[in-house]
Amino acid sequence: MTREELEHIIRASGDITDQYEFVIIGSQSMLGPVRNPEEVFLVSMEADIYPLLAPELADKIDGAIGEGSQFHQAHGYYAQGVGPDTATLPKDWMQRVHRVQNRNTNDRVGYCLDVLDLFLAKAAAGREKDREFCMALFEHSYVTPAQVLKLVPTMPVDDMAQRTLRATIRRWAKAVRDAGHNVPEE
């Protein structure tokens, strides 16, 4: 998915829900802070999105422009209507969002996660695709271990989960270093 395609999803979501502000989480939220990321970050054809002030309308987005819809068939990408609880995010994530708003969004606003918050959400989810994404964020120097480790205490998980998260982050950073990439130590 490209930045222009994400802007199209924001515009279409606004048309469907009659809402003005949307939150984009998941991998495609990277298109907010990084307009043209490397190919490894563009493989997903879905954008996880919900209306900021009316998250219950996410189902309307999913039904109209979701996977398998006419929109998806026509454009090759789609929206997945999600909710605010879909991702586990640091407590102050909303203070770091990147605003996507222009003529292509019909002046609707898409708030995209900062790469630090995106990394932590993916690390907390812990799926194989999340591990690969986070390691690529290290590899391409979008985040450093020190930056993400500093935010771990703000994650809304218990102490044990925070310890596990810190160990996971360190393990991934070491693996990227061991593969020959310049990832700074903590």
N, C-alpha and C. Protein backbone atom coordinates (compact mmCIF):
# COMPACT_ATOMS: atom_id res chain seq x y z
N MET A 1 0.85 -1.18 0.00
CA MET A 1 0.00 0.00 0.00
C MET A 1 0.89 1.24 0.00
N THR A 2 0.49 2.24 -0.75
CA THR A 2 1.22 3.50 -0.82
C THR A 2 0.52 4.56 0.04
N ARG A 3 1.19 5.67 0.22
CA ARG A 3 0.59 6.78 0.99
C ARG A 3 -0.69 7.26 0.31
N GLU A 4 -0.68 7.36 -1.03
CA GLU A 4 -1.87 7.81 -1.75
C GLU A 4 -3.03 6.84 -1.57
N GLU A 5 -2.74 5.55 -1.52
CA GLU A 5 -3.79 4.56 -1.30
C GLU A 5 -4.36 4.67 0.12
N LEU A 6 -3.49 4.91 1.08
CA LEU A 6 -3.96 5.14 2.46
C LEU A 6 -4.85 6.38 2.51
N GLU A 7 -4.45 7.44 1.83
CA GLU A 7 -5.27 8.66 1.78
C GLU A 7 -6.64 8.36 1.18
N HIS A 8 -6.69 7.50 0.16
CA HIS A 8 -7.96 7.10 -0.45
C HIS A 8 -8.85 6.37 0.57
N ILE A 9 -8.23 5.50 1.37
CA ILE A 9 -8.99 4.77 2.39
C ILE A 9 -9.54 5.74 3.44
N ILE A 10 -8.76 6.74 3.82
CA ILE A 10 -9.25 7.74 4.78
C ILE A 10 -10.45 8.48 4.19
N ARG A 11 -10.33 8.90 2.94
CA ARG A 11 -11.42 9.62 2.26
C ARG A 11 -12.67 8.76 2.17
N ALA A 12 -12.49 7.51 1.74
CA ALA A 12 -13.63 6.61 1.60
C ALA A 12 -14.27 6.31 2.96
N SER A 13 -13.45 6.15 3.99
CA SER A 13 -13.98 5.91 5.34
C SER A 13 -14.81 7.09 5.81
N GLY A 14 -14.37 8.30 5.47
CA GLY A 14 -15.14 9.49 5.81
C GLY A 14 -16.47 9.52 5.10
N ASP A 15 -16.45 9.15 3.82
CA ASP A 15 -17.70 9.13 3.04
C ASP A 15 -18.69 8.10 3.60
N ILE A 16 -18.17 6.97 4.03
CA ILE A 16 -19.01 5.88 4.53
C ILE A 16 -19.62 6.22 5.90
N THR A 17 -18.82 6.80 6.78
CA THR A 17 -19.25 7.00 8.17
C THR A 17 -19.70 8.43 8.48
N ASP A 18 -19.42 9.36 7.58
CA ASP A 18 -19.68 10.77 7.81
C ASP A 18 -18.90 11.28 9.03
N GLN A 19 -17.74 10.68 9.27
CA GLN A 19 -16.85 11.10 10.35
C GLN A 19 -15.68 11.89 9.77
N TYR A 20 -15.02 12.65 10.61
CA TYR A 20 -13.95 13.55 10.17
C TYR A 20 -12.55 13.04 10.54
N GLU A 21 -12.42 12.37 11.69
CA GLU A 21 -11.11 11.93 12.17
C GLU A 21 -11.07 10.41 12.31
N PHE A 22 -9.94 9.84 11.89
CA PHE A 22 -9.76 8.39 11.92
C PHE A 22 -8.41 8.05 12.51
N VAL A 23 -8.32 6.88 13.12
CA VAL A 23 -7.06 6.38 13.63
C VAL A 23 -6.66 5.19 12.78
N ILE A 24 -5.42 5.21 12.32
CA ILE A 24 -4.87 4.10 11.54
C ILE A 24 -3.83 3.42 12.41
N ILE A 25 -4.05 2.14 12.67
CA ILE A 25 -3.09 1.36 13.44
C ILE A 25 -2.58 0.25 12.53
N GLY A 26 -1.69 -0.56 13.00
CA GLY A 26 -1.15 -1.63 12.16
C GLY A 26 -0.06 -1.09 11.24
N SER A 27 0.48 -1.99 10.45
CA SER A 27 1.69 -1.67 9.68
C SER A 27 1.53 -0.48 8.75
N GLN A 28 0.36 -0.27 8.19
CA GLN A 28 0.22 0.83 7.24
C GLN A 28 0.16 2.20 7.91
N SER A 29 0.08 2.23 9.24
CA SER A 29 0.17 3.53 9.91
C SER A 29 1.56 4.13 9.72
N MET A 30 2.51 3.31 9.31
CA MET A 30 3.87 3.81 9.05
C MET A 30 3.87 4.86 7.94
N LEU A 31 2.86 4.82 7.09
CA LEU A 31 2.78 5.77 5.96
C LEU A 31 2.48 7.19 6.42
N GLY A 32 2.17 7.38 7.69
CA GLY A 32 2.01 8.73 8.23
C GLY A 32 3.36 9.39 8.48
N PRO A 33 4.19 8.78 9.34
CA PRO A 33 5.48 9.40 9.61
C PRO A 33 6.50 9.23 8.48
N VAL A 34 6.33 8.18 7.67
CA VAL A 34 7.31 7.90 6.61
C VAL A 34 6.55 7.80 5.29
N ARG A 35 6.62 8.84 4.49
CA ARG A 35 5.82 8.90 3.26
C ARG A 35 6.19 7.81 2.26
N ASN A 36 7.46 7.52 2.10
CA ASN A 36 7.91 6.52 1.12
C ASN A 36 8.87 5.53 1.76
N PRO A 37 8.35 4.63 2.59
CA PRO A 37 9.24 3.66 3.24
C PRO A 37 9.74 2.59 2.26
N GLU A 38 10.71 1.84 2.70
CA GLU A 38 11.25 0.75 1.90
C GLU A 38 10.16 -0.28 1.58
N GLU A 39 10.38 -1.05 0.53
CA GLU A 39 9.42 -2.03 0.03
C GLU A 39 8.94 -3.01 1.11
N VAL A 40 9.83 -3.40 2.01
CA VAL A 40 9.48 -4.36 3.05
C VAL A 40 8.30 -3.89 3.90
N PHE A 41 8.10 -2.58 3.98
CA PHE A 41 7.03 -2.03 4.80
C PHE A 41 5.73 -1.82 4.01
N LEU A 42 5.74 -2.11 2.72
CA LEU A 42 4.58 -1.82 1.87
C LEU A 42 3.82 -3.07 1.44
N VAL A 43 4.16 -4.22 1.98
CA VAL A 43 3.58 -5.46 1.48
C VAL A 43 2.11 -5.66 1.84
N SER A 44 1.66 -5.09 2.94
CA SER A 44 0.27 -5.27 3.33
C SER A 44 -0.66 -4.47 2.42
N MET A 45 -1.78 -5.05 2.07
CA MET A 45 -2.77 -4.38 1.24
C MET A 45 -3.98 -3.94 2.04
N GLU A 46 -3.85 -3.97 3.38
CA GLU A 46 -4.97 -3.55 4.22
C GLU A 46 -4.52 -2.47 5.19
N ALA A 47 -5.42 -1.56 5.48
CA ALA A 47 -5.18 -0.54 6.49
C ALA A 47 -6.20 -0.74 7.61
N ASP A 48 -5.70 -0.90 8.83
CA ASP A 48 -6.57 -1.04 10.00
C ASP A 48 -6.98 0.37 10.44
N ILE A 49 -8.28 0.61 10.48
CA ILE A 49 -8.77 1.97 10.70
C ILE A 49 -10.05 1.97 11.52
N TYR A 50 -10.22 3.05 12.31
CA TYR A 50 -11.50 3.25 13.00
C TYR A 50 -11.75 4.74 13.16
N PRO A 51 -13.02 5.14 13.19
CA PRO A 51 -13.34 6.55 13.43
C PRO A 51 -13.00 6.91 14.88
N LEU A 52 -12.25 7.99 15.06
CA LEU A 52 -11.79 8.38 16.39
C LEU A 52 -12.93 8.57 17.37
N LEU A 53 -13.97 9.30 16.97
CA LEU A 53 -15.05 9.63 17.91
C LEU A 53 -16.24 8.67 17.86
N ALA A 54 -16.21 7.75 16.91
CA ALA A 54 -17.31 6.78 16.79
C ALA A 54 -16.75 5.42 16.35
N PRO A 55 -15.92 4.80 17.18
CA PRO A 55 -15.28 3.55 16.78
C PRO A 55 -16.27 2.44 16.43
N GLU A 56 -17.49 2.56 16.95
CA GLU A 56 -18.50 1.54 16.64
C GLU A 56 -18.87 1.53 15.16
N LEU A 57 -18.53 2.58 14.42
CA LEU A 57 -18.81 2.64 12.98
C LEU A 57 -17.77 1.90 12.14
N ALA A 58 -16.76 1.31 12.79
CA ALA A 58 -15.73 0.58 12.06
C ALA A 58 -16.33 -0.57 11.24
N ASP A 59 -17.40 -1.17 11.74
CA ASP A 59 -18.05 -2.27 11.01
C ASP A 59 -18.59 -1.79 9.66
N LYS A 60 -19.05 -0.54 9.60
CA LYS A 60 -19.55 0.00 8.32
C LYS A 60 -18.40 0.11 7.31
N ILE A 61 -17.23 0.51 7.80
CA ILE A 61 -16.05 0.60 6.93
C ILE A 61 -15.70 -0.78 6.42
N ASP A 62 -15.64 -1.74 7.34
CA ASP A 62 -15.29 -3.11 6.98
C ASP A 62 -16.26 -3.67 5.93
N GLY A 63 -17.54 -3.40 6.12
CA GLY A 63 -18.55 -3.92 5.20
C GLY A 63 -18.47 -3.27 3.82
N ALA A 64 -18.16 -1.98 3.76
CA ALA A 64 -18.19 -1.25 2.49
C ALA A 64 -16.89 -1.35 1.70
N ILE A 65 -15.73 -1.26 2.41
CA ILE A 65 -14.46 -1.24 1.68
C ILE A 65 -13.47 -2.26 2.26
N GLY A 66 -14.00 -3.29 2.90
CA GLY A 66 -13.17 -4.32 3.52
C GLY A 66 -12.74 -5.40 2.54
N GLU A 67 -12.11 -6.41 3.09
CA GLU A 67 -11.59 -7.52 2.29
C GLU A 67 -12.72 -8.18 1.49
N GLY A 68 -12.49 -8.38 0.20
CA GLY A 68 -13.47 -9.01 -0.68
C GLY A 68 -14.54 -8.09 -1.20
N SER A 69 -14.55 -6.83 -0.78
CA SER A 69 -15.56 -5.86 -1.24
C SER A 69 -15.29 -5.45 -2.68
N GLN A 70 -16.25 -4.78 -3.29
CA GLN A 70 -16.05 -4.24 -4.63
C GLN A 70 -14.88 -3.26 -4.64
N PHE A 71 -14.74 -2.48 -3.58
CA PHE A 71 -13.62 -1.55 -3.43
C PHE A 71 -12.30 -2.31 -3.51
N HIS A 72 -12.20 -3.39 -2.77
CA HIS A 72 -10.99 -4.22 -2.76
C HIS A 72 -10.72 -4.78 -4.15
N GLN A 73 -11.75 -5.29 -4.78
CA GLN A 73 -11.58 -5.86 -6.12
C GLN A 73 -11.16 -4.80 -7.14
N ALA A 74 -11.71 -3.61 -7.01
CA ALA A 74 -11.40 -2.54 -7.96
C ALA A 74 -10.01 -1.94 -7.75
N HIS A 75 -9.56 -1.84 -6.49
CA HIS A 75 -8.33 -1.11 -6.21
C HIS A 75 -7.15 -1.99 -5.78
N GLY A 76 -7.42 -3.20 -5.33
CA GLY A 76 -6.34 -4.08 -4.91
C GLY A 76 -5.88 -3.85 -3.47
N TYR A 77 -6.53 -2.99 -2.75
CA TYR A 77 -6.25 -2.75 -1.33
C TYR A 77 -7.57 -2.51 -0.64
N TYR A 78 -7.56 -2.56 0.70
CA TYR A 78 -8.83 -2.44 1.42
C TYR A 78 -8.60 -1.96 2.84
N ALA A 79 -9.70 -1.64 3.50
CA ALA A 79 -9.67 -1.23 4.90
C ALA A 79 -10.17 -2.37 5.76
N GLN A 80 -9.61 -2.45 6.94
CA GLN A 80 -10.16 -3.37 7.93
C GLN A 80 -10.63 -2.51 9.09
N GLY A 81 -11.93 -2.48 9.30
CA GLY A 81 -12.48 -1.74 10.42
C GLY A 81 -12.13 -2.44 11.71
N VAL A 82 -11.44 -1.74 12.59
CA VAL A 82 -11.00 -2.30 13.86
C VAL A 82 -11.50 -1.41 15.00
N GLY A 83 -11.11 -1.72 16.20
CA GLY A 83 -11.50 -0.90 17.34
C GLY A 83 -10.28 -0.39 18.09
N PRO A 84 -10.50 0.52 19.01
CA PRO A 84 -9.39 1.10 19.78
C PRO A 84 -8.61 0.06 20.60
N ASP A 85 -9.25 -1.07 20.90
CA ASP A 85 -8.57 -2.09 21.70
C ASP A 85 -7.84 -3.13 20.86
N THR A 86 -7.80 -2.93 19.56
CA THR A 86 -7.15 -3.89 18.67
C THR A 86 -5.66 -3.99 18.95
N ALA A 87 -5.02 -2.86 19.23
CA ALA A 87 -3.58 -2.83 19.49
C ALA A 87 -3.31 -2.42 20.92
N THR A 88 -2.28 -3.01 21.50
CA THR A 88 -1.81 -2.60 22.82
C THR A 88 -0.76 -1.52 22.59
N LEU A 89 -1.06 -0.32 23.07
CA LEU A 89 -0.22 0.85 22.79
C LEU A 89 0.24 1.53 24.07
N PRO A 90 1.40 2.21 24.02
CA PRO A 90 1.84 2.99 25.18
C PRO A 90 0.78 4.01 25.57
N LYS A 91 0.75 4.38 26.84
CA LYS A 91 -0.30 5.25 27.37
C LYS A 91 -0.41 6.59 26.64
N ASP A 92 0.69 7.16 26.20
CA ASP A 92 0.66 8.49 25.60
C ASP A 92 0.82 8.48 24.07
N TRP A 93 0.42 7.40 23.44
CA TRP A 93 0.62 7.25 21.99
C TRP A 93 -0.06 8.35 21.18
N MET A 94 -1.21 8.79 21.63
CA MET A 94 -1.97 9.79 20.86
C MET A 94 -1.21 11.12 20.76
N GLN A 95 -0.31 11.37 21.67
CA GLN A 95 0.50 12.60 21.63
C GLN A 95 1.57 12.56 20.54
N ARG A 96 1.83 11.37 20.00
CA ARG A 96 2.88 11.22 18.99
C ARG A 96 2.35 10.90 17.59
N VAL A 97 1.05 10.86 17.40
CA VAL A 97 0.52 10.48 16.09
C VAL A 97 0.95 11.47 15.01
N HIS A 98 0.92 10.97 13.78
CA HIS A 98 1.24 11.79 12.61
C HIS A 98 -0.03 11.99 11.81
N ARG A 99 -0.33 13.22 11.55
CA ARG A 99 -1.58 13.62 10.90
C ARG A 99 -1.43 13.50 9.38
N VAL A 100 -2.36 12.80 8.76
CA VAL A 100 -2.44 12.73 7.30
C VAL A 100 -3.75 13.42 6.91
N GLN A 101 -3.62 14.54 6.26
CA GLN A 101 -4.79 15.33 5.87
C GLN A 101 -4.40 16.18 4.67
N ASN A 102 -5.15 16.04 3.60
CA ASN A 102 -4.90 16.83 2.39
C ASN A 102 -6.11 16.73 1.46
N ARG A 103 -5.94 17.21 0.27
CA ARG A 103 -7.03 17.17 -0.71
C ARG A 103 -7.44 15.73 -1.03
N ASN A 104 -6.46 14.84 -1.07
CA ASN A 104 -6.75 13.44 -1.39
C ASN A 104 -7.55 12.74 -0.29
N THR A 105 -7.49 13.26 0.94
CA THR A 105 -8.31 12.69 2.02
C THR A 105 -9.64 13.44 2.12
N ASN A 106 -9.87 14.36 1.20
CA ASN A 106 -11.05 15.22 1.24
C ASN A 106 -11.06 16.00 2.56
N ASP A 107 -9.85 16.36 2.99
CA ASP A 107 -9.60 17.08 4.24
C ASP A 107 -10.00 16.31 5.49
N ARG A 108 -10.33 15.03 5.35
CA ARG A 108 -10.53 14.19 6.52
C ARG A 108 -9.16 13.91 7.12
N VAL A 109 -9.11 13.61 8.40
CA VAL A 109 -7.84 13.43 9.10
C VAL A 109 -7.63 11.96 9.44
N GLY A 110 -6.46 11.46 9.11
CA GLY A 110 -6.03 10.14 9.54
C GLY A 110 -4.88 10.30 10.50
N TYR A 111 -5.02 9.79 11.72
CA TYR A 111 -3.94 9.84 12.70
C TYR A 111 -3.20 8.51 12.64
N CYS A 112 -1.95 8.57 12.22
CA CYS A 112 -1.13 7.37 12.08
C CYS A 112 -0.17 7.26 13.26
N LEU A 113 0.04 6.05 13.72
CA LEU A 113 0.94 5.82 14.84
C LEU A 113 2.35 6.27 14.51
N ASP A 114 3.06 6.76 15.50
CA ASP A 114 4.48 6.99 15.36
C ASP A 114 5.17 5.63 15.26
N VAL A 115 6.34 5.57 14.62
CA VAL A 115 7.02 4.29 14.44
C VAL A 115 7.38 3.63 15.78
N LEU A 116 7.64 4.41 16.81
CA LEU A 116 7.93 3.83 18.13
C LEU A 116 6.71 3.09 18.67
N ASP A 117 5.56 3.72 18.57
CA ASP A 117 4.32 3.11 19.06
C ASP A 117 3.93 1.91 18.19
N LEU A 118 4.14 2.03 16.90
CA LEU A 118 3.86 0.92 15.99
C LEU A 118 4.75 -0.28 16.35
N PHE A 119 6.04 -0.02 16.58
CA PHE A 119 6.96 -1.08 16.97
C PHE A 119 6.44 -1.79 18.23
N LEU A 120 6.09 -1.01 19.26
CA LEU A 120 5.66 -1.61 20.52
C LEU A 120 4.35 -2.37 20.39
N ALA A 121 3.43 -1.87 19.58
CA ALA A 121 2.17 -2.58 19.36
C ALA A 121 2.44 -3.93 18.69
N LYS A 122 3.32 -3.92 17.72
CA LYS A 122 3.65 -5.16 17.01
C LYS A 122 4.43 -6.11 17.93
N ALA A 123 5.35 -5.56 18.71
CA ALA A 123 6.12 -6.40 19.63
C ALA A 123 5.20 -7.04 20.67
N ALA A 124 4.21 -6.30 21.14
CA ALA A 124 3.26 -6.83 22.12
C ALA A 124 2.40 -7.92 21.49
N ALA A 125 2.05 -7.77 20.21
CA ALA A 125 1.24 -8.78 19.53
C ALA A 125 2.05 -10.06 19.33
N GLY A 126 3.32 -9.90 18.95
CA GLY A 126 4.25 -11.02 18.92
C GLY A 126 4.06 -12.08 17.86
N ARG A 127 3.31 -11.80 16.82
CA ARG A 127 3.16 -12.78 15.74
C ARG A 127 4.42 -12.80 14.88
N GLU A 128 4.60 -13.81 14.08
CA GLU A 128 5.78 -13.92 13.22
C GLU A 128 5.91 -12.71 12.30
N LYS A 129 4.80 -12.27 11.69
CA LYS A 129 4.87 -11.11 10.80
C LYS A 129 5.23 -9.85 11.57
N ASP A 130 4.85 -9.77 12.84
CA ASP A 130 5.20 -8.62 13.68
C ASP A 130 6.69 -8.62 13.99
N ARG A 131 7.24 -9.80 14.28
CA ARG A 131 8.68 -9.92 14.54
C ARG A 131 9.46 -9.44 13.32
N GLU A 132 9.08 -9.90 12.16
CA GLU A 132 9.77 -9.50 10.92
C GLU A 132 9.68 -8.00 10.70
N PHE A 133 8.52 -7.43 10.94
CA PHE A 133 8.31 -5.99 10.76
C PHE A 133 9.20 -5.21 11.73
N CYS A 134 9.20 -5.61 13.00
CA CYS A 134 10.00 -4.90 14.01
C CYS A 134 11.49 -5.02 13.70
N MET A 135 11.93 -6.18 13.28
CA MET A 135 13.34 -6.34 12.95
C MET A 135 13.71 -5.47 11.75
N ALA A 136 12.80 -5.31 10.81
CA ALA A 136 13.04 -4.42 9.67
C ALA A 136 13.11 -2.97 10.12
N LEU A 137 12.30 -2.59 11.12
CA LEU A 137 12.39 -1.23 11.67
C LEU A 137 13.77 -0.98 12.27
N PHE A 138 14.34 -1.98 12.95
CA PHE A 138 15.72 -1.87 13.44
C PHE A 138 16.70 -1.79 12.27
N GLU A 139 16.54 -2.71 11.34
CA GLU A 139 17.47 -2.81 10.21
C GLU A 139 17.56 -1.50 9.42
N HIS A 140 16.44 -0.84 9.23
CA HIS A 140 16.40 0.40 8.43
C HIS A 140 16.50 1.66 9.29
N SER A 141 16.85 1.47 10.55
CA SER A 141 17.14 2.58 11.48
C SER A 141 15.96 3.51 11.73
N TYR A 142 14.74 2.98 11.71
CA TYR A 142 13.58 3.79 12.06
C TYR A 142 13.43 3.91 13.57
N VAL A 143 13.89 2.90 14.28
CA VAL A 143 13.88 2.92 15.74
C VAL A 143 15.19 2.32 16.24
N THR A 144 15.51 2.63 17.48
CA THR A 144 16.66 2.00 18.14
C THR A 144 16.16 1.24 19.35
N PRO A 145 16.93 0.25 19.80
CA PRO A 145 16.51 -0.47 21.01
C PRO A 145 16.28 0.48 22.19
N ALA A 146 17.16 1.45 22.37
CA ALA A 146 17.03 2.38 23.50
C ALA A 146 15.70 3.15 23.44
N GLN A 147 15.31 3.58 22.25
CA GLN A 147 14.06 4.34 22.11
C GLN A 147 12.85 3.52 22.52
N VAL A 148 12.78 2.29 22.04
CA VAL A 148 11.59 1.49 22.34
C VAL A 148 11.62 0.95 23.77
N LEU A 149 12.81 0.61 24.26
CA LEU A 149 12.91 0.14 25.64
C LEU A 149 12.48 1.22 26.63
N LYS A 150 12.77 2.47 26.29
CA LYS A 150 12.40 3.59 27.16
C LYS A 150 10.87 3.69 27.32
N LEU A 151 10.12 3.28 26.29
CA LEU A 151 8.65 3.37 26.33
C LEU A 151 7.97 2.14 26.94
N VAL A 152 8.71 1.05 27.12
CA VAL A 152 8.09 -0.17 27.64
C VAL A 152 7.33 0.07 28.95
N PRO A 153 7.86 0.87 29.90
CA PRO A 153 7.10 1.09 31.15
C PRO A 153 5.75 1.77 30.95
N THR A 154 5.53 2.39 29.79
CA THR A 154 4.24 3.04 29.54
C THR A 154 3.23 2.10 28.88
N MET A 155 3.65 0.87 28.62
CA MET A 155 2.73 -0.10 28.02
C MET A 155 1.74 -0.58 29.09
N PRO A 156 0.45 -0.69 28.75
CA PRO A 156 -0.57 -1.09 29.72
C PRO A 156 -0.63 -2.61 29.92
N VAL A 157 0.52 -3.16 30.33
CA VAL A 157 0.62 -4.60 30.60
C VAL A 157 1.31 -4.76 31.96
N ASP A 158 1.18 -5.93 32.54
CA ASP A 158 1.76 -6.15 33.87
C ASP A 158 3.29 -6.25 33.81
N ASP A 159 3.91 -6.31 34.98
CA ASP A 159 5.37 -6.32 35.07
C ASP A 159 6.00 -7.50 34.33
N MET A 160 5.40 -8.65 34.45
CA MET A 160 5.93 -9.84 33.77
C MET A 160 5.90 -9.64 32.25
N ALA A 161 4.80 -9.12 31.74
CA ALA A 161 4.69 -8.88 30.29
C ALA A 161 5.70 -7.81 29.85
N GLN A 162 5.96 -6.83 30.71
CA GLN A 162 6.96 -5.82 30.37
C GLN A 162 8.36 -6.44 30.33
N ARG A 163 8.68 -7.32 31.27
CA ARG A 163 9.98 -8.01 31.25
C ARG A 163 10.12 -8.84 29.98
N THR A 164 9.07 -9.54 29.64
CA THR A 164 9.09 -10.36 28.42
C THR A 164 9.28 -9.48 27.19
N LEU A 165 8.59 -8.36 27.16
CA LEU A 165 8.70 -7.43 26.04
C LEU A 165 10.13 -6.89 25.91
N ARG A 166 10.73 -6.50 27.03
CA ARG A 166 12.12 -6.01 26.99
C ARG A 166 13.07 -7.09 26.48
N ALA A 167 12.89 -8.33 26.95
CA ALA A 167 13.75 -9.43 26.50
C ALA A 167 13.57 -9.68 25.01
N THR A 168 12.34 -9.62 24.54
CA THR A 168 12.06 -9.81 23.12
C THR A 168 12.73 -8.74 22.27
N ILE A 169 12.61 -7.49 22.70
CA ILE A 169 13.22 -6.38 21.96
C ILE A 169 14.73 -6.57 21.88
N ARG A 170 15.35 -6.92 22.99
CA ARG A 170 16.81 -7.13 23.01
C ARG A 170 17.21 -8.30 22.10
N ARG A 171 16.43 -9.37 22.13
CA ARG A 171 16.71 -10.53 21.29
C ARG A 171 16.62 -10.17 19.80
N TRP A 172 15.57 -9.42 19.43
CA TRP A 172 15.42 -9.02 18.03
C TRP A 172 16.55 -8.10 17.58
N ALA A 173 16.93 -7.16 18.45
CA ALA A 173 18.02 -6.24 18.10
C ALA A 173 19.32 -7.02 17.90
N LYS A 174 19.58 -7.99 18.77
CA LYS A 174 20.78 -8.81 18.64
C LYS A 174 20.75 -9.60 17.33
N ALA A 175 19.61 -10.16 16.98
CA ALA A 175 19.49 -10.93 15.74
C ALA A 175 19.78 -10.05 14.52
N VAL A 176 19.30 -8.83 14.54
CA VAL A 176 19.55 -7.92 13.41
C VAL A 176 21.03 -7.54 13.39
N ARG A 177 21.63 -7.30 14.55
CA ARG A 177 23.07 -7.03 14.64
C ARG A 177 23.87 -8.21 14.11
N ASP A 178 23.48 -9.41 14.54
CA ASP A 178 24.19 -10.63 14.13
C ASP A 178 24.08 -10.87 12.63
N ALA A 179 23.03 -10.32 12.01
CA ALA A 179 22.87 -10.45 10.56
C ALA A 179 23.69 -9.40 9.80
N GLY A 180 24.47 -8.60 10.54
CA GLY A 180 25.38 -7.66 9.90
C GLY A 180 24.88 -6.23 9.79
N HIS A 181 23.79 -5.91 10.45
CA HIS A 181 23.25 -4.56 10.37
C HIS A 181 23.71 -3.73 11.58
N ASN A 182 23.84 -2.45 11.37
CA ASN A 182 24.30 -1.55 12.41
C ASN A 182 23.14 -1.11 13.29
N VAL A 183 22.92 -1.87 14.34
CA VAL A 183 21.87 -1.53 15.32
C VAL A 183 22.59 -1.16 16.60
N PRO A 184 22.39 0.07 17.08
CA PRO A 184 23.11 0.48 18.29
C PRO A 184 22.73 -0.36 19.50
N GLU A 185 23.69 -0.47 20.39
CA GLU A 185 23.41 -1.11 21.69
C GLU A 185 22.52 -0.15 22.47
N GLU A 186 21.97 -0.63 23.56
CA GLU A 186 21.12 0.21 24.40
C GLU A 186 21.94 1.38 24.89
